Amino acid sequence: MFSAVPAGPRFAAHLVRRLFAALLEAAEAVPRIATALDDVRKTLRQLERLLTYVAGELPELAHKVEQIRTRVDGMEDPAAEEARVTPASRRSG
């Protein structure tokens, strides 16, 4: 019982020191958190601008792809013409 009495004030002082240290760490972290949030905000603005640009360009890109597809469909592959077997084809064997 006598050994528990001096431990009380030491324990209380230890808790107060730990609480003070935790408060200092939290106060020091606030500027870093604010900087990180500012960076996140800037990144989101940049993404918004990029997505706006992409959304504006997509219709034109789709139109160009359709034009290319139409041109490719209109072309005939000469190698495919030669490989095609018809009754009039010469026999090789």
PDB file of N, CA and C in Angstrom:
ATOM      1  N   MET A   1       0.815  -1.188   0.000  1.00  0.00           N
ATOM      2  CA  MET A   1       0.000   0.000   0.000  1.00  0.00           C
ATOM      3  C   MET A   1       0.862   1.256   0.000  1.00  0.00           C
ATOM      4  N   PHE A   2       1.949   1.211   0.753  1.00  0.00           N
ATOM      5  CA  PHE A   2       2.795   2.404   0.824  1.00  0.00           C
ATOM      6  C   PHE A   2       3.536   2.654  -0.475  1.00  0.00           C
ATOM      7  N   SER A   3       3.764   1.595  -1.249  1.00  0.00           N
ATOM      8  CA  SER A   3       4.478   1.790  -2.517  1.00  0.00           C
ATOM      9  C   SER A   3       3.561   2.363  -3.602  1.00  0.00           C
ATOM     10  N   ALA A   4       2.265   2.224  -3.445  1.00  0.00           N
ATOM     11  CA  ALA A   4       1.324   2.716  -4.445  1.00  0.00           C
ATOM     12  C   ALA A   4       1.121   4.216  -4.336  1.00  0.00           C
ATOM     13  N   VAL A   5       1.328   4.794  -3.174  1.00  0.00           N
ATOM     14  CA  VAL A   5       1.081   6.226  -2.979  1.00  0.00           C
ATOM     15  C   VAL A   5       2.043   7.079  -3.814  1.00  0.00           C
ATOM     16  N   PRO A   6       3.382   6.841  -3.805  1.00  0.00           N
ATOM     17  CA  PRO A   6       4.253   7.695  -4.616  1.00  0.00           C
ATOM     18  C   PRO A   6       4.077   7.451  -6.115  1.00  0.00           C
ATOM     19  N   ALA A   7       3.561   6.295  -6.506  1.00  0.00           N
ATOM     20  CA  ALA A   7       3.404   5.991  -7.926  1.00  0.00           C
ATOM     21  C   ALA A   7       2.280   6.804  -8.546  1.00  0.00           C
ATOM     22  N   GLY A   8       1.298   7.224  -7.782  1.00  0.00           N
ATOM     23  CA  GLY A   8       0.154   7.980  -8.297  1.00  0.00           C
ATOM     24  C   GLY A   8       0.550   9.284  -8.948  1.00  0.00           C
ATOM     25  N   PRO A   9       1.286  10.157  -8.246  1.00  0.00           N
ATOM     26  CA  PRO A   9       1.677  11.425  -8.877  1.00  0.00           C
ATOM     27  C   PRO A   9       2.621  11.228 -10.078  1.00  0.00           C
ATOM     28  N   ARG A  10       3.506  10.223  -9.994  1.00  0.00           N
ATOM     29  CA  ARG A  10       4.399   9.961 -11.135  1.00  0.00           C
ATOM     30  C   ARG A  10       3.590   9.515 -12.344  1.00  0.00           C
ATOM     31  N   PHE A  11       2.610   8.668 -12.103  1.00  0.00           N
ATOM     32  CA  PHE A  11       1.752   8.176 -13.189  1.00  0.00           C
ATOM     33  C   PHE A  11       0.964   9.335 -13.808  1.00  0.00           C
ATOM     34  N   ALA A  12       0.446  10.216 -12.973  1.00  0.00           N
ATOM     35  CA  ALA A  12      -0.316  11.375 -13.466  1.00  0.00           C
ATOM     36  C   ALA A  12       0.593  12.289 -14.291  1.00  0.00           C
ATOM     37  N   ALA A  13       1.820  12.508 -13.802  1.00  0.00           N
ATOM     38  CA  ALA A  13       2.755  13.353 -14.539  1.00  0.00           C
ATOM     39  C   ALA A  13       3.112  12.716 -15.881  1.00  0.00           C
ATOM     40  N   HIS A  14       3.277  11.400 -15.869  1.00  0.00           N
ATOM     41  CA  HIS A  14       3.571  10.679 -17.110  1.00  0.00           C
ATOM     42  C   HIS A  14       2.424  10.832 -18.109  1.00  0.00           C
ATOM     43  N   LEU A  15       1.197  10.695 -17.643  1.00  0.00           N
ATOM     44  CA  LEU A  15       0.031  10.854 -18.524  1.00  0.00           C
ATOM     45  C   LEU A  15      -0.061  12.273 -19.088  1.00  0.00           C
ATOM     46  N   VAL A  16       0.215  13.269 -18.248  1.00  0.00           N
ATOM     47  CA  VAL A  16       0.160  14.660 -18.707  1.00  0.00           C
ATOM     48  C   VAL A  16       1.221  14.892 -19.775  1.00  0.00           C
ATOM     49  N   ARG A  17       2.445  14.357 -19.573  1.00  0.00           N
ATOM     50  CA  ARG A  17       3.505  14.497 -20.576  1.00  0.00           C
ATOM     51  C   ARG A  17       3.125  13.835 -21.887  1.00  0.00           C
ATOM     52  N   ARG A  18       2.541  12.649 -21.804  1.00  0.00           N
ATOM     53  CA  ARG A  18       2.129  11.956 -23.025  1.00  0.00           C
ATOM     54  C   ARG A  18       1.029  12.717 -23.758  1.00  0.00           C
ATOM     55  N   LEU A  19       0.074  13.258 -23.003  1.00  0.00           N
ATOM     56  CA  LEU A  19      -1.009  14.037 -23.600  1.00  0.00           C
ATOM     57  C   LEU A  19      -0.452  15.283 -24.277  1.00  0.00           C
ATOM     58  N   PHE A  20       0.477  15.965 -23.616  1.00  0.00           N
ATOM     59  CA  PHE A  20       1.089  17.162 -24.189  1.00  0.00           C
ATOM     60  C   PHE A  20       1.860  16.821 -25.473  1.00  0.00           C
ATOM     61  N   ALA A  21       2.596  15.704 -25.462  1.00  0.00           N
ATOM     62  CA  ALA A  21       3.342  15.279 -26.647  1.00  0.00           C
ATOM     63  C   ALA A  21       2.390  14.945 -27.797  1.00  0.00           C
ATOM     64  N   ALA A  22       1.288  14.278 -27.496  1.00  0.00           N
ATOM     65  CA  ALA A  22       0.309  13.937 -28.531  1.00  0.00           C
ATOM     66  C   ALA A  22      -0.328  15.201 -29.113  1.00  0.00           C
ATOM     67  N   LEU A  23      -0.619  16.184 -28.269  1.00  0.00           N
ATOM     68  CA  LEU A  23      -1.188  17.442 -28.755  1.00  0.00           C
ATOM     69  C   LEU A  23      -0.189  18.181 -29.647  1.00  0.00           C
ATOM     70  N   LEU A  24       1.083  18.180 -29.279  1.00  0.00           N
ATOM     71  CA  LEU A  24       2.106  18.812 -30.116  1.00  0.00           C
ATOM     72  C   LEU A  24       2.220  18.124 -31.471  1.00  0.00           C
ATOM     73  N   GLU A  25       2.205  16.793 -31.481  1.00  0.00           N
ATOM     74  CA  GLU A  25       2.265  16.053 -32.750  1.00  0.00           C
ATOM     75  C   GLU A  25       1.070  16.380 -33.625  1.00  0.00           C
ATOM     76  N   ALA A  26      -0.115  16.451 -33.012  1.00  0.00           N
ATOM     77  CA  ALA A  26      -1.317  16.772 -33.785  1.00  0.00           C
ATOM     78  C   ALA A  26      -1.227  18.182 -34.354  1.00  0.00           C
ATOM     79  N   ALA A  27      -0.721  19.127 -33.561  1.00  0.00           N
ATOM     80  CA  ALA A  27      -0.597  20.506 -34.035  1.00  0.00           C
ATOM     81  C   ALA A  27       0.428  20.599 -35.157  1.00  0.00           C
ATOM     82  N   GLU A  28       1.499  19.821 -35.083  1.00  0.00           N
ATOM     83  CA  GLU A  28       2.507  19.838 -36.134  1.00  0.00           C
ATOM     84  C   GLU A  28       1.994  19.172 -37.410  1.00  0.00           C
ATOM     85  N   ALA A  29       1.036  18.266 -37.293  1.00  0.00           N
ATOM     86  CA  ALA A  29       0.514  17.552 -38.462  1.00  0.00           C
ATOM     87  C   ALA A  29      -0.490  18.387 -39.251  1.00  0.00           C
ATOM     88  N   VAL A  30      -1.086  19.381 -38.641  1.00  0.00           N
ATOM     89  CA  VAL A  30      -2.118  20.173 -39.317  1.00  0.00           C
ATOM     90  C   VAL A  30      -1.597  20.835 -40.596  1.00  0.00           C
ATOM     91  N   PRO A  31      -0.432  21.494 -40.599  1.00  0.00           N
ATOM     92  CA  PRO A  31       0.038  22.081 -41.868  1.00  0.00           C
ATOM     93  C   PRO A  31       0.304  21.034 -42.947  1.00  0.00           C
ATOM     94  N   ARG A  32       0.815  19.889 -42.550  1.00  0.00           N
ATOM     95  CA  ARG A  32       1.054  18.829 -43.550  1.00  0.00           C
ATOM     96  C   ARG A  32      -0.256  18.331 -44.127  1.00  0.00           C
ATOM     97  N   ILE A  33      -1.263  18.196 -43.299  1.00  0.00           N
ATOM     98  CA  ILE A  33      -2.583  17.756 -43.776  1.00  0.00           C
ATOM     99  C   ILE A  33      -3.165  18.805 -44.725  1.00  0.00           C
ATOM    100  N   ALA A  34      -3.024  20.078 -44.367  1.00  0.00           N
ATOM    101  CA  ALA A  34      -3.543  21.154 -45.223  1.00  0.00           C
ATOM    102  C   ALA A  34      -2.828  21.149 -46.572  1.00  0.00           C
ATOM    103  N   THR A  35      -1.518  20.945 -46.573  1.00  0.00           N
ATOM    104  CA  THR A  35      -0.759  20.892 -47.826  1.00  0.00           C
ATOM    105  C   THR A  35      -1.207  19.708 -48.672  1.00  0.00           C
ATOM    106  N   ALA A  36      -1.399  18.565 -48.037  1.00  0.00           N
ATOM    107  CA  ALA A  36      -1.838  17.380 -48.774  1.00  0.00           C
ATOM    108  C   ALA A  36      -3.223  17.594 -49.377  1.00  0.00           C
ATOM    109  N   LEU A  37      -4.126  18.211 -48.631  1.00  0.00           N
ATOM    110  CA  LEU A  37      -5.470  18.485 -49.156  1.00  0.00           C
ATOM    111  C   LEU A  37      -5.416  19.473 -50.319  1.00  0.00           C
ATOM    112  N   ASP A  38      -4.525  20.450 -50.230  1.00  0.00           N
ATOM    113  CA  ASP A  38      -4.367  21.398 -51.338  1.00  0.00           C
ATOM    114  C   ASP A  38      -3.864  20.683 -52.591  1.00  0.00           C
ATOM    115  N   ASP A  39      -2.917  19.769 -52.414  1.00  0.00           N
ATOM    116  CA  ASP A  39      -2.421  18.986 -53.553  1.00  0.00           C
ATOM    117  C   ASP A  39      -3.533  18.138 -54.166  1.00  0.00           C
ATOM    118  N   VAL A  40      -4.351  17.542 -53.326  1.00  0.00           N
ATOM    119  CA  VAL A  40      -5.469  16.723 -53.820  1.00  0.00           C
ATOM    120  C   VAL A  40      -6.444  17.602 -54.603  1.00  0.00           C
ATOM    121  N   ARG A  41      -6.733  18.803 -54.085  1.00  0.00           N
ATOM    122  CA  ARG A  41      -7.630  19.714 -54.782  1.00  0.00           C
ATOM    123  C   ARG A  41      -7.081  20.102 -56.147  1.00  0.00           C
ATOM    124  N   LYS A  42      -5.775  20.417 -56.215  1.00  0.00           N
ATOM    125  CA  LYS A  42      -5.153  20.771 -57.493  1.00  0.00           C
ATOM    126  C   LYS A  42      -5.209  19.598 -58.475  1.00  0.00           C
ATOM    127  N   THR A  43      -4.974  18.396 -57.975  1.00  0.00           N
ATOM    128  CA  THR A  43      -5.034  17.209 -58.830  1.00  0.00           C
ATOM    129  C   THR A  43      -6.442  16.999 -59.372  1.00  0.00           C
ATOM    130  N   LEU A  44      -7.439  17.182 -58.535  1.00  0.00           N
ATOM    131  CA  LEU A  44      -8.825  17.027 -58.989  1.00  0.00           C
ATOM    132  C   LEU A  44      -9.187  18.068 -60.045  1.00  0.00           C
ATOM    133  N   ARG A  45      -8.707  19.306 -59.874  1.00  0.00           N
ATOM    134  CA  ARG A  45      -8.965  20.330 -60.901  1.00  0.00           C
ATOM    135  C   ARG A  45      -8.327  19.942 -62.228  1.00  0.00           C
ATOM    136  N   GLN A  46      -7.100  19.447 -62.166  1.00  0.00           N
ATOM    137  CA  GLN A  46      -6.406  19.036 -63.388  1.00  0.00           C
ATOM    138  C   GLN A  46      -7.141  17.872 -64.067  1.00  0.00           C
ATOM    139  N   LEU A  47      -7.592  16.903 -63.280  1.00  0.00           N
ATOM    140  CA  LEU A  47      -8.359  15.776 -63.830  1.00  0.00           C
ATOM    141  C   LEU A  47      -9.652  16.257 -64.472  1.00  0.00           C
ATOM    142  N   GLU A  48     -10.298  17.219 -63.850  1.00  0.00           N
ATOM    143  CA  GLU A  48     -11.538  17.748 -64.414  1.00  0.00           C
ATOM    144  C   GLU A  48     -11.270  18.393 -65.774  1.00  0.00           C
ATOM    145  N   ARG A  49     -10.194  19.165 -65.880  1.00  0.00           N
ATOM    146  CA  ARG A  49      -9.852  19.782 -67.168  1.00  0.00           C
ATOM    147  C   ARG A  49      -9.529  18.720 -68.213  1.00  0.00           C
ATOM    148  N   LEU A  50      -8.780  17.702 -67.809  1.00  0.00           N
ATOM    149  CA  LEU A  50      -8.424  16.634 -68.742  1.00  0.00           C
ATOM    150  C   LEU A  50      -9.661  15.884 -69.218  1.00  0.00           C
ATOM    151  N   LEU A  51     -10.565  15.563 -68.312  1.00  0.00           N
ATOM    152  CA  LEU A  51     -11.786  14.847 -68.692  1.00  0.00           C
ATOM    153  C   LEU A  51     -12.677  15.704 -69.592  1.00  0.00           C
ATOM    154  N   THR A  52     -12.715  16.990 -69.343  1.00  0.00           N
ATOM    155  CA  THR A  52     -13.488  17.882 -70.212  1.00  0.00           C
ATOM    156  C   THR A  52     -12.914  17.870 -71.624  1.00  0.00           C
ATOM    157  N   TYR A  53     -11.598  17.914 -71.730  1.00  0.00           N
ATOM    158  CA  TYR A  53     -10.946  17.873 -73.043  1.00  0.00           C
ATOM    159  C   TYR A  53     -11.245  16.552 -73.754  1.00  0.00           C
ATOM    160  N   VAL A  54     -11.106  15.445 -73.032  1.00  0.00           N
ATOM    161  CA  VAL A  54     -11.346  14.130 -73.638  1.00  0.00           C
ATOM    162  C   VAL A  54     -12.796  14.008 -74.086  1.00  0.00           C
ATOM    163  N   ALA A  55     -13.723  14.482 -73.267  1.00  0.00           N
ATOM    164  CA  ALA A  55     -15.138  14.405 -73.635  1.00  0.00           C
ATOM    165  C   ALA A  55     -15.418  15.228 -74.892  1.00  0.00           C
ATOM    166  N   GLY A  56     -14.707  16.322 -75.064  1.00  0.00           N
ATOM    167  CA  GLY A  56     -14.891  17.129 -76.265  1.00  0.00           C
ATOM    168  C   GLY A  56     -14.289  16.487 -77.502  1.00  0.00           C
ATOM    169  N   GLU A  57     -13.238  15.699 -77.331  1.00  0.00           N
ATOM    170  CA  GLU A  57     -12.554  15.087 -78.469  1.00  0.00           C
ATOM    171  C   GLU A  57     -13.142  13.738 -78.876  1.00  0.00           C
ATOM    172  N   LEU A  58     -13.846  13.073 -78.001  1.00  0.00           N
ATOM    173  CA  LEU A  58     -14.359  11.727 -78.307  1.00  0.00           C
ATOM    174  C   LEU A  58     -15.255  11.673 -79.539  1.00  0.00           C
ATOM    175  N   PRO A  59     -16.202  12.569 -79.712  1.00  0.00           N
ATOM    176  CA  PRO A  59     -17.034  12.474 -80.923  1.00  0.00           C
ATOM    177  C   PRO A  59     -16.215  12.572 -82.204  1.00  0.00           C
ATOM    178  N   GLU A  60     -15.227  13.467 -82.223  1.00  0.00           N
ATOM    179  CA  GLU A  60     -14.400  13.605 -83.419  1.00  0.00           C
ATOM    180  C   GLU A  60     -13.569  12.340 -83.655  1.00  0.00           C
ATOM    181  N   LEU A  61     -13.029  11.770 -82.589  1.00  0.00           N
ATOM    182  CA  LEU A  61     -12.251  10.541 -82.728  1.00  0.00           C
ATOM    183  C   LEU A  61     -13.122   9.396 -83.235  1.00  0.00           C
ATOM    184  N   ALA A  62     -14.341   9.291 -82.727  1.00  0.00           N
ATOM    185  CA  ALA A  62     -15.240   8.227 -83.180  1.00  0.00           C
ATOM    186  C   ALA A  62     -15.552   8.399 -84.661  1.00  0.00           C
ATOM    187  N   HIS A  63     -15.746   9.646 -85.086  1.00  0.00           N
ATOM    188  CA  HIS A  63     -16.031   9.913 -86.501  1.00  0.00           C
ATOM    189  C   HIS A  63     -14.840   9.500 -87.367  1.00  0.00           C
ATOM    190  N   LYS A  64     -13.625   9.830 -86.928  1.00  0.00           N
ATOM    191  CA  LYS A  64     -12.435   9.463 -87.703  1.00  0.00           C
ATOM    192  C   LYS A  64     -12.253   7.949 -87.768  1.00  0.00           C
ATOM    193  N   VAL A  65     -12.532   7.257 -86.680  1.00  0.00           N
ATOM    194  CA  VAL A  65     -12.420   5.791 -86.688  1.00  0.00           C
ATOM    195  C   VAL A  65     -13.424   5.201 -87.669  1.00  0.00           C
ATOM    196  N   GLU A  66     -14.621   5.737 -87.712  1.00  0.00           N
ATOM    197  CA  GLU A  66     -15.625   5.257 -88.659  1.00  0.00           C
ATOM    198  C   GLU A  66     -15.180   5.502 -90.100  1.00  0.00           C
ATOM    199  N   GLN A  67     -14.558   6.647 -90.364  1.00  0.00           N
ATOM    200  CA  GLN A  67     -14.053   6.925 -91.711  1.00  0.00           C
ATOM    201  C   GLN A  67     -12.970   5.918 -92.097  1.00  0.00           C
ATOM    202  N   ILE A  68     -12.067   5.644 -91.177  1.00  0.00           N
ATOM    203  CA  ILE A  68     -11.002   4.676 -91.453  1.00  0.00           C
ATOM    204  C   ILE A  68     -11.591   3.291 -91.678  1.00  0.00           C
ATOM    205  N   ARG A  69     -12.569   2.909 -90.867  1.00  0.00           N
ATOM    206  CA  ARG A  69     -13.204   1.587 -91.020  1.00  0.00           C
ATOM    207  C   ARG A  69     -13.869   1.476 -92.388  1.00  0.00           C
ATOM    208  N   THR A  70     -14.523   2.528 -92.822  1.00  0.00           N
ATOM    209  CA  THR A  70     -15.181   2.524 -94.128  1.00  0.00           C
ATOM    210  C   THR A  70     -14.152   2.370 -95.245  1.00  0.00           C
ATOM    211  N   ARG A  71     -13.033   3.082 -95.121  1.00  0.00           N
ATOM    212  CA  ARG A  71     -11.987   2.963 -96.147  1.00  0.00           C
ATOM    213  C   ARG A  71     -11.394   1.568 -96.168  1.00  0.00           C
ATOM    214  N   VAL A  72     -11.156   0.990 -95.001  1.00  0.00           N
ATOM    215  CA  VAL A  72     -10.568  -0.349 -94.945  1.00  0.00           C
ATOM    216  C   VAL A  72     -11.544  -1.380 -95.492  1.00  0.00           C
ATOM    217  N   ASP A  73     -12.822  -1.237 -95.165  1.00  0.00           N
ATOM    218  CA  ASP A  73     -13.814  -2.181 -95.679  1.00  0.00           C
ATOM    219  C   ASP A  73     -13.918  -2.099 -97.204  1.00  0.00           C
ATOM    220  N   GLY A  74     -13.666  -0.916 -97.750  1.00  0.00           N
ATOM    221  CA  GLY A  74     -13.766  -0.739 -99.196  1.00  0.00           C
ATOM    222  C   GLY A  74     -12.554  -1.292 -99.941  1.00  0.00           C
ATOM    223  N   MET A  75     -11.471  -1.498 -99.234  1.00  0.00           N
ATOM    224  CA  MET A  75     -10.258  -2.012 -99.889  1.00  0.00           C
ATOM    225  C   MET A  75     -10.325  -3.527 -99.955  1.00  0.00           C
ATOM    226  N   GLU A  76      -9.786  -4.086-101.031  1.00  0.00           N
ATOM    227  CA  GLU A  76      -9.711  -5.543-101.132  1.00  0.00           C
ATOM    228  C   GLU A  76      -8.276  -5.950-100.954  1.00  0.00           C
ATOM    229  N   ASP A  77      -8.063  -7.038-100.257  1.00  0.00           N
ATOM    230  CA  ASP A  77      -6.714  -7.536 -99.992  1.00  0.00           C
ATOM    231  C   ASP A  77      -6.267  -8.377-101.184  1.00  0.00           C
ATOM    232  N   PRO A  78      -5.193  -7.954-101.888  1.00  0.00           N
ATOM    233  CA  PRO A  78      -4.738  -8.727-103.056  1.00  0.00           C
ATOM    234  C   PRO A  78      -4.282 -10.124-102.672  1.00  0.00           C
ATOM    235  N   ALA A  79      -3.694 -10.310-101.548  1.00  0.00           N
ATOM    236  CA  ALA A  79      -3.253 -11.639-101.120  1.00  0.00           C
ATOM    237  C   ALA A  79      -4.450 -12.555-100.906  1.00  0.00           C
ATOM    238  N   ALA A  80      -5.529 -12.006-100.412  1.00  0.00           N
ATOM    239  CA  ALA A  80      -6.726 -12.818-100.198  1.00  0.00           C
ATOM    240  C   ALA A  80      -7.336 -13.222-101.530  1.00  0.00           C
ATOM    241  N   GLU A  81      -7.231 -12.344-102.517  1.00  0.00           N
ATOM    242  CA  GLU A  81      -7.743 -12.673-103.847  1.00  0.00           C
ATOM    243  C   GLU A  81      -6.981 -13.849-104.438  1.00  0.00           C
ATOM    244  N   GLU A  82      -5.652 -13.871-104.284  1.00  0.00           N
ATOM    245  CA  GLU A  82      -4.842 -14.949-104.834  1.00  0.00           C
ATOM    246  C   GLU A  82      -5.068 -16.254-104.087  1.00  0.00           C
ATOM    247  N   ALA A  83      -5.340 -16.185-102.811  1.00  0.00           N
ATOM    248  CA  ALA A  83      -5.494 -17.394-102.005  1.00  0.00           C
ATOM    249  C   ALA A  83      -6.874 -18.030-102.191  1.00  0.00           C
ATOM    250  N   ARG A  84      -7.804 -17.295-102.725  1.00  0.00           N
ATOM    251  CA  ARG A  84      -9.153 -17.796-102.893  1.00  0.00           C
ATOM    252  C   ARG A  84      -9.167 -18.899-103.963  1.00  0.00           C
ATOM    253  N   VAL A  85      -9.775 -20.017-103.650  1.00  0.00           N
ATOM    254  CA  VAL A  85      -9.837 -21.142-104.589  1.00  0.00           C
ATOM    255  C   VAL A  85     -11.200 -21.122-105.296  1.00  0.00           C
ATOM    256  N   THR A  86     -11.132 -21.157-106.601  1.00  0.00           N
ATOM    257  CA  THR A  86     -12.358 -21.192-107.405  1.00  0.00           C
ATOM    258  C   THR A  86     -12.254 -22.378-108.350  1.00  0.00           C
ATOM    259  N   PRO A  87     -13.338 -22.782-108.967  1.00  0.00           N
ATOM    260  CA  PRO A  87     -13.273 -23.915-109.924  1.00  0.00           C
ATOM    261  C   PRO A  87     -12.317 -23.605-111.065  1.00  0.00           C
ATOM    262  N   ALA A  88     -12.094 -22.372-111.405  1.00  0.00           N
ATOM    263  CA  ALA A  88     -11.218 -22.041-112.516  1.00  0.00           C
ATOM    264  C   ALA A  88      -9.745 -21.933-112.099  1.00  0.00           C
ATOM    265  N   SER A  89      -9.458 -22.106-110.801  1.00  0.00           N
ATOM    266  CA  SER A  89      -8.084 -21.969-110.322  1.00  0.00           C
ATOM    267  C   SER A  89      -7.202 -23.089-110.867  1.00  0.00           C
ATOM    268  N   ARG A  90      -5.936 -22.791-111.084  1.00  0.00           N
ATOM    269  CA  ARG A  90      -4.991 -23.804-111.547  1.00  0.00           C
ATOM    270  C   ARG A  90      -4.671 -24.751-110.409  1.00  0.00           C
ATOM    271  N   ARG A  91      -4.446 -25.974-110.765  1.00  0.00           N
ATOM    272  CA  ARG A  91      -4.116 -26.965-109.739  1.00  0.00           C
ATOM    273  C   ARG A  91      -2.606 -27.025-109.563  1.00  0.00           C
ATOM    274  N   SER A  92      -2.198 -27.116-108.294  1.00  0.00           N
ATOM    275  CA  SER A  92      -0.770 -27.116-108.031  1.00  0.00           C
ATOM    276  C   SER A  92      -0.263 -28.513-107.695  1.00  0.00           C
ATOM    277  N   GLY A  93      -1.091 -29.464-107.619  1.00  0.00           N
ATOM    278  CA  GLY A  93      -0.619 -30.749-107.183  1.00  0.00           C
ATOM    279  C   GLY A  93      -0.902 -31.872-108.013  1.00  0.00           C
TER     280      GLY A  93
END
